[in-house]
Amino acid sequence: MNRDHVSTAIHVNRSSCVGRRALLGTLAAALPLPALAQARPGRSVVATVAMVGDAVREVSGGRVRVETLIGEGVDPHLFRPTRSDISRLLSADAVFGVGHRLEGRMGDVMERVRQAGKPVVLLAESLPRDRLRANPDYPDAADPHVWMDPTLWADAAKAVEPALNRLVPDAREAMTDNLASFRARCARLDTYAKEVLGTVPENARLLVTAHDAFSYFGARYGFALESIQGLSTEAEANLAAIEALVTKLVERRVPAVFAETSVPDRAVRALIEGAGARGQRVALGGNLFSDAMGRAGTYEGTYEGMLDHNITTIARALGGRAPDRGLNSRLAA
């Protein structure tokens, strides 16, 4: 290529760059400031589990980038962070979790984040202890599964706003509105749950699950609870406990038991087989979301969708009446 051609090429490339910069400037000027803030958040936070990540994302309205550490179908009780996970936590502007030993193997890492001067916000630990259920395995902690009661989770979500305000101080009013909207959706879920779960016959109001994640749910909506494992899934299923549960299922003629998406279903299937051997047909009522939500990008991958799925599945499996596709007609068919 001769010198004239090189000069022409350089001129064309410079003109293209200038044109692109001008076009980007025009587009940026056309976007309202909130849209720019949401498109390019300057702050990033890490949530331990998806339920927390969903609350943070809703309150922030896209003004911070939210990553979830423990994904779909993963049991947080057993989760052990890798070196890359620890690096993500330490490099985040803030870390949000549940607390009360849900993330039982992450205590040391959380302390390192605090020592690095980063905020660590534990939503369940923001609630007064007199509103929480005891944890028989750990007297120093409460039952961490507070998201199972949407009224409790709505109050726990209040802890998100002050931490986000410190990260994005110019968006306080918008985030206050976002929190109010999130709490309103929780209230709507609660109303729906009372309506459809109230149609379950009295003799069938026994919720049998793989582990004890539904105590807040049962207390709120009038269900007795039985589980094969305790609050944590670290203990192995006990054969004597399974036999005792089989007896209770047969005596009360309970129509269904439930598996959980984050816990193996072997013990639940053993219940079904045991009841069948005694002449009582017990169905697998479905897979409930307990310590993890559904796949990211789906309705069940949101807190609202997770609870809608659980409420609707339980009501229908135990003889109650609920719409096929739930509160918002968005559940997977």
Protein backbone atom coordinates (compact mmCIF):
# COMPACT_ATOMS: atom_id res chain seq x y z
CA MET A 1 0.00 0.00 0.00
CA ASN A 2 1.47 3.45 -0.98
CA ARG A 3 1.70 6.48 1.31
CA ASP A 4 -1.45 8.15 -0.11
CA HIS A 5 -3.48 4.99 0.51
CA VAL A 6 -2.16 4.72 4.08
CA SER A 7 -3.01 8.38 4.72
CA THR A 8 -6.51 7.88 3.35
CA ALA A 9 -7.06 4.75 5.48
CA ILE A 10 -5.93 6.56 8.63
CA HIS A 11 -8.26 9.44 7.85
CA VAL A 12 -11.20 7.04 7.29
CA ASN A 13 -10.51 5.16 10.53
CA ARG A 14 -10.23 8.40 12.49
CA SER A 15 -13.45 9.65 10.96
CA SER A 16 -15.19 6.37 11.84
CA CYS A 17 -13.99 6.57 15.43
CA VAL A 18 -15.11 10.17 15.72
CA GLY A 19 -18.46 9.22 14.21
CA ARG A 20 -18.91 6.33 16.61
CA ARG A 21 -18.03 8.52 19.58
CA ALA A 22 -20.51 11.16 18.42
CA LEU A 23 -23.21 8.51 17.95
CA LEU A 24 -22.58 7.06 21.42
CA GLY A 25 -22.68 10.56 22.90
CA THR A 26 -26.00 11.24 21.18
CA LEU A 27 -27.46 7.93 22.45
CA ALA A 28 -26.23 8.61 25.97
CA ALA A 29 -27.74 12.08 25.93
CA ALA A 30 -31.04 10.59 24.78
CA LEU A 31 -31.20 8.14 27.71
CA PRO A 32 -32.65 9.40 31.00
CA LEU A 33 -30.20 9.33 33.90
CA PRO A 34 -31.91 6.43 35.73
CA ALA A 35 -31.63 4.30 32.57
CA LEU A 36 -27.90 5.00 32.40
CA ALA A 37 -27.50 4.07 36.04
CA GLN A 38 -29.36 0.81 35.51
CA ALA A 39 -27.52 -0.06 32.30
CA ARG A 40 -24.05 0.45 33.77
CA PRO A 41 -24.11 -0.08 37.56
CA GLY A 42 -20.86 0.97 39.12
CA ARG A 43 -21.28 -1.17 42.22
CA SER A 44 -21.47 -4.94 42.55
CA VAL A 45 -22.73 -7.07 45.42
CA VAL A 46 -22.87 -10.79 46.11
CA ALA A 47 -25.88 -12.58 47.58
CA THR A 48 -25.37 -16.00 49.12
CA VAL A 49 -28.67 -17.52 47.95
CA ALA A 50 -31.13 -16.66 45.20
CA MET A 51 -33.94 -15.56 47.54
CA VAL A 52 -31.67 -12.87 48.93
CA GLY A 53 -30.36 -11.97 45.49
CA ASP A 54 -33.92 -11.50 44.25
CA ALA A 55 -34.75 -9.11 47.11
CA VAL A 56 -31.57 -7.08 46.58
CA ARG A 57 -32.17 -6.91 42.84
CA GLU A 58 -35.77 -5.76 43.30
CA VAL A 59 -34.89 -3.06 45.82
CA SER A 60 -31.89 -1.78 43.84
CA GLY A 61 -33.87 -1.59 40.61
CA GLY A 62 -30.75 -2.44 38.62
CA ARG A 63 -28.58 0.22 40.24
CA VAL A 64 -26.10 -2.37 41.48
CA ARG A 65 -24.93 -5.56 39.81
CA VAL A 66 -26.11 -8.56 41.85
CA GLU A 67 -24.41 -11.95 41.69
CA THR A 68 -25.74 -15.04 43.45
CA LEU A 69 -23.18 -17.42 44.88
CA ILE A 70 -25.26 -20.56 45.52
CA GLY A 71 -27.28 -21.51 42.47
CA GLU A 72 -30.31 -23.54 41.47
CA GLY A 73 -30.72 -26.90 43.19
CA VAL A 74 -27.71 -26.40 45.49
CA ASP A 75 -28.11 -26.96 49.23
CA PRO A 76 -26.72 -23.94 51.15
CA HIS A 77 -26.37 -25.98 54.35
CA LEU A 78 -23.71 -28.08 52.63
CA PHE A 79 -22.18 -25.43 50.37
CA ARG A 80 -18.44 -24.97 50.76
CA PRO A 81 -17.02 -21.90 48.94
CA THR A 82 -14.15 -22.40 46.53
CA ARG A 83 -11.15 -20.08 46.28
CA SER A 84 -12.82 -18.26 43.39
CA ASP A 85 -16.02 -17.89 45.46
CA ILE A 86 -14.01 -16.37 48.30
CA SER A 87 -12.35 -14.00 45.84
CA ARG A 88 -15.79 -12.89 44.57
CA LEU A 89 -16.99 -12.25 48.10
CA LEU A 90 -13.90 -10.25 49.06
CA SER A 91 -14.02 -8.13 45.90
CA ALA A 92 -17.74 -7.25 46.21
CA ASP A 93 -18.85 -3.85 47.52
CA ALA A 94 -21.24 -5.63 49.93
CA VAL A 95 -22.38 -9.16 50.74
CA PHE A 96 -25.99 -10.10 51.52
CA GLY A 97 -27.06 -13.37 53.10
CA VAL A 98 -29.64 -15.03 55.34
CA GLY A 99 -27.63 -15.84 58.44
CA HIS A 100 -28.64 -17.94 61.45
CA ARG A 101 -26.35 -20.68 60.13
CA LEU A 102 -28.13 -21.23 56.80
CA GLU A 103 -24.75 -20.69 55.16
CA GLY A 104 -23.21 -22.91 57.82
CA ARG A 105 -19.81 -23.36 56.20
CA MET A 106 -19.26 -19.73 55.28
CA GLY A 107 -18.91 -18.14 58.72
CA ASP A 108 -15.14 -17.67 58.49
CA VAL A 109 -15.41 -16.17 55.00
CA MET A 110 -18.09 -13.71 56.12
CA GLU A 111 -15.82 -12.60 58.95
CA ARG A 112 -12.99 -12.00 56.45
CA VAL A 113 -15.34 -9.82 54.39
CA ARG A 114 -16.19 -7.79 57.50
CA GLN A 115 -12.52 -7.42 58.40
CA ALA A 116 -11.91 -6.11 54.88
CA GLY A 117 -14.29 -3.26 55.72
CA LYS A 118 -17.16 -4.46 53.50
CA PRO A 119 -20.80 -4.50 54.69
CA VAL A 120 -22.26 -7.95 55.42
CA VAL A 121 -26.06 -7.83 55.69
CA LEU A 122 -27.86 -10.94 56.99
CA LEU A 123 -31.58 -10.57 56.38
CA ALA A 124 -32.91 -13.14 58.86
CA GLU A 125 -30.66 -11.76 61.59
CA SER A 126 -32.20 -8.30 61.10
CA LEU A 127 -35.51 -9.60 62.52
CA PRO A 128 -36.28 -9.60 66.27
CA ARG A 129 -35.62 -12.99 67.84
CA ASP A 130 -39.12 -13.13 69.30
CA ARG A 131 -40.49 -13.38 65.75
CA LEU A 132 -38.24 -16.31 64.88
CA ARG A 133 -38.49 -20.01 65.59
CA ALA A 134 -35.90 -21.82 67.67
CA ASN A 135 -33.15 -23.94 66.14
CA PRO A 136 -32.87 -27.12 68.24
CA ASP A 137 -29.46 -27.94 66.76
CA TYR A 138 -27.90 -24.55 67.55
CA PRO A 139 -29.17 -22.63 70.60
CA ASP A 140 -27.26 -19.53 69.43
CA ALA A 141 -29.22 -19.40 66.16
CA ALA A 142 -32.84 -19.34 65.00
CA ASP A 143 -34.52 -21.29 62.20
CA PRO A 144 -33.16 -19.44 59.14
CA HIS A 145 -35.94 -20.32 56.65
CA VAL A 146 -37.83 -17.05 57.11
CA TRP A 147 -38.58 -16.57 53.39
CA MET A 148 -41.24 -19.30 53.70
CA ASP A 149 -43.50 -16.72 55.38
CA PRO A 150 -43.85 -13.82 52.92
CA THR A 151 -44.83 -11.41 55.70
CA LEU A 152 -41.57 -12.14 57.52
CA TRP A 153 -39.56 -11.93 54.30
CA ALA A 154 -41.13 -8.56 53.51
CA ASP A 155 -39.85 -7.26 56.84
CA ALA A 156 -36.44 -8.91 56.42
CA ALA A 157 -36.07 -7.13 53.07
CA LYS A 158 -36.07 -3.79 54.91
CA ALA A 159 -32.44 -4.51 55.85
CA VAL A 160 -31.45 -4.29 52.18
CA GLU A 161 -32.32 -0.62 51.68
CA PRO A 162 -29.88 1.07 54.13
CA ALA A 163 -26.94 -0.90 52.76
CA LEU A 164 -27.84 -0.04 49.16
CA ASN A 165 -28.33 3.61 50.10
CA ARG A 166 -24.72 3.75 51.23
CA LEU A 167 -23.59 2.32 47.89
CA VAL A 168 -25.88 4.44 45.68
CA PRO A 169 -26.80 7.49 47.80
CA ASP A 170 -28.39 9.40 44.92
CA ALA A 171 -31.13 6.78 44.41
CA ARG A 172 -32.68 6.71 47.88
CA GLU A 173 -36.18 7.74 46.85
CA ALA A 174 -36.36 5.23 44.00
CA MET A 175 -35.14 2.39 46.19
CA THR A 176 -37.67 3.26 48.89
CA ASP A 177 -40.38 2.94 46.23
CA ASN A 178 -38.89 -0.36 45.03
CA LEU A 179 -38.91 -1.78 48.55
CA ALA A 180 -42.56 -0.78 48.96
CA SER A 181 -43.42 -2.56 45.69
CA PHE A 182 -41.58 -5.70 46.79
CA ARG A 183 -43.39 -5.70 50.13
CA ALA A 184 -46.74 -5.25 48.36
CA ARG A 185 -46.04 -8.35 46.23
CA CYS A 186 -45.22 -10.29 49.41
CA ALA A 187 -48.54 -9.20 50.91
CA ARG A 188 -50.36 -10.34 47.78
CA LEU A 189 -48.66 -13.75 48.01
CA ASP A 190 -49.79 -14.03 51.62
CA THR A 191 -53.39 -13.26 50.69
CA TYR A 192 -53.30 -15.87 47.92
CA ALA A 193 -51.79 -18.47 50.26
CA LYS A 194 -54.49 -17.95 52.88
CA GLU A 195 -57.19 -18.28 50.24
CA VAL A 196 -56.06 -21.47 48.47
CA LEU A 197 -54.44 -23.27 51.41
CA GLY A 198 -57.59 -22.65 53.41
CA THR A 199 -59.40 -25.07 51.05
CA VAL A 200 -57.22 -28.05 52.10
CA PRO A 201 -59.31 -30.51 54.20
CA GLU A 202 -58.48 -30.56 57.92
CA ASN A 203 -57.29 -34.17 58.00
CA ALA A 204 -54.84 -33.49 55.15
CA ARG A 205 -53.21 -30.44 56.72
CA LEU A 206 -49.97 -32.30 57.38
CA LEU A 207 -47.03 -31.15 55.30
CA VAL A 208 -44.36 -33.84 55.01
CA THR A 209 -41.07 -32.81 53.40
CA ALA A 210 -37.46 -33.92 53.13
CA HIS A 211 -36.07 -31.47 55.69
CA ASP A 212 -37.46 -28.96 58.14
CA ALA A 213 -37.56 -25.87 55.93
CA PHE A 214 -41.31 -25.16 56.16
CA SER A 215 -41.96 -24.39 59.84
CA TYR A 216 -42.65 -20.70 59.19
CA PHE A 217 -44.93 -21.69 56.32
CA GLY A 218 -46.83 -24.14 58.51
CA ALA A 219 -47.18 -21.69 61.38
CA ARG A 220 -48.52 -18.99 59.06
CA TYR A 221 -51.03 -21.15 57.19
CA GLY A 222 -52.13 -23.72 59.77
CA PHE A 223 -50.28 -26.88 58.75
CA ALA A 224 -48.65 -29.45 61.00
CA LEU A 225 -45.11 -30.15 59.82
CA GLU A 226 -43.13 -33.37 59.60
CA SER A 227 -39.74 -33.82 58.00
CA ILE A 228 -37.26 -36.64 57.61
CA GLN A 229 -34.27 -34.44 58.44
CA GLY A 230 -33.93 -31.46 60.76
CA LEU A 231 -33.33 -27.78 59.99
CA SER A 232 -29.98 -28.62 58.40
CA THR A 233 -29.53 -31.36 55.81
CA GLU A 234 -26.16 -32.37 57.23
CA ALA A 235 -27.64 -35.24 59.28
CA GLU A 236 -28.50 -38.50 57.53
CA ALA A 237 -32.11 -39.65 57.27
CA ASN A 238 -32.99 -41.88 60.22
CA LEU A 239 -34.73 -45.22 59.56
CA ALA A 240 -36.73 -44.97 62.78
CA ALA A 241 -37.92 -41.49 61.80
CA ILE A 242 -39.04 -42.79 58.42
CA GLU A 243 -41.00 -45.64 60.05
CA ALA A 244 -42.68 -43.24 62.47
CA LEU A 245 -43.65 -40.95 59.61
CA VAL A 246 -45.08 -43.85 57.61
CA THR A 247 -47.31 -44.71 60.58
CA LYS A 248 -48.53 -41.12 60.79
CA LEU A 249 -49.26 -40.98 57.06
CA VAL A 250 -51.32 -44.16 57.25
CA GLU A 251 -53.22 -43.12 60.38
CA ARG A 252 -54.14 -39.70 59.00
CA ARG A 253 -54.61 -40.93 55.43
CA VAL A 254 -52.50 -38.06 54.10
CA PRO A 255 -52.70 -38.09 50.28
CA ALA A 256 -49.24 -36.71 49.39
CA VAL A 257 -45.71 -35.97 50.55
CA PHE A 258 -43.21 -33.60 48.96
CA ALA A 259 -39.64 -33.71 47.71
CA GLU A 260 -37.42 -30.64 47.54
CA THR A 261 -35.40 -29.42 44.59
CA SER A 262 -32.22 -28.95 46.64
CA VAL A 263 -32.38 -32.22 48.60
CA PRO A 264 -32.16 -35.83 47.27
CA ASP A 265 -35.59 -37.50 47.20
CA ARG A 266 -34.55 -41.03 48.28
CA ALA A 267 -35.97 -40.75 51.80
CA VAL A 268 -39.25 -39.22 50.55
CA ARG A 269 -39.69 -42.12 48.13
CA ALA A 270 -39.01 -44.53 51.00
CA LEU A 271 -42.00 -42.97 52.80
CA ILE A 272 -44.22 -43.56 49.78
CA GLU A 273 -43.09 -47.18 49.48
CA GLY A 274 -43.54 -47.78 53.23
CA ALA A 275 -47.09 -46.41 53.21
CA GLY A 276 -47.88 -48.48 50.11
CA ALA A 277 -46.69 -51.64 51.88
CA ARG A 278 -49.31 -50.90 54.56
CA GLY A 279 -52.08 -50.42 52.02
CA GLN A 280 -52.10 -46.60 52.00
CA ARG A 281 -51.53 -44.91 48.65
CA VAL A 282 -49.43 -41.77 49.14
CA ALA A 283 -48.48 -39.71 46.08
CA LEU A 284 -45.42 -37.61 45.46
CA GLY A 285 -47.14 -34.25 45.57
CA GLY A 286 -44.38 -32.47 43.69
CA ASN A 287 -40.98 -30.87 44.14
CA LEU A 288 -41.01 -27.84 46.38
CA PHE A 289 -38.49 -25.03 46.37
CA SER A 290 -37.00 -24.90 49.85
CA ASP A 291 -33.42 -23.61 50.11
CA ALA A 292 -33.05 -22.71 46.43
CA MET A 293 -35.29 -21.12 43.80
CA GLY A 294 -35.90 -22.28 40.25
CA ARG A 295 -33.73 -21.74 37.20
CA ALA A 296 -32.59 -18.16 36.62
CA GLY A 297 -34.65 -16.41 33.98
CA THR A 298 -37.85 -18.36 34.76
CA TYR A 299 -40.83 -17.26 36.84
CA GLU A 300 -39.97 -19.94 39.40
CA GLY A 301 -36.50 -18.38 39.51
CA THR A 302 -37.98 -15.35 41.30
CA TYR A 303 -39.08 -15.19 44.94
CA GLU A 304 -42.67 -14.52 43.88
CA GLY A 305 -42.64 -17.48 41.48
CA MET A 306 -40.97 -19.76 44.02
CA LEU A 307 -43.65 -19.13 46.66
CA ASP A 308 -46.46 -19.22 44.09
CA HIS A 309 -45.23 -22.66 42.98
CA ASN A 310 -45.03 -23.99 46.54
CA ILE A 311 -48.42 -22.62 47.62
CA THR A 312 -50.19 -23.86 44.50
CA THR A 313 -48.50 -27.28 44.49
CA ILE A 314 -49.24 -27.95 48.17
CA ALA A 315 -52.87 -26.87 47.93
CA ARG A 316 -53.62 -29.00 44.88
CA ALA A 317 -51.73 -32.10 46.08
CA LEU A 318 -53.45 -32.14 49.49
CA GLY A 319 -56.98 -31.85 48.14
CA GLY A 320 -57.43 -28.10 48.08
CA ARG A 321 -58.41 -25.83 45.20
CA ALA A 322 -55.93 -23.59 43.38
CA PRO A 323 -55.52 -22.36 39.79
CA ASP A 324 -53.46 -24.71 37.60
CA ARG A 325 -50.89 -22.02 36.87
CA GLY A 326 -50.99 -20.19 40.16
CA LEU A 327 -51.52 -16.65 41.34
CA ASN A 328 -50.25 -14.89 38.22
CA SER A 329 -51.03 -17.64 35.66
CA ARG A 330 -47.27 -17.95 35.07
CA LEU A 331 -46.35 -21.30 36.60
CA ALA A 332 -44.86 -23.85 34.23
CA ALA A 333 -47.60 -26.08 32.84
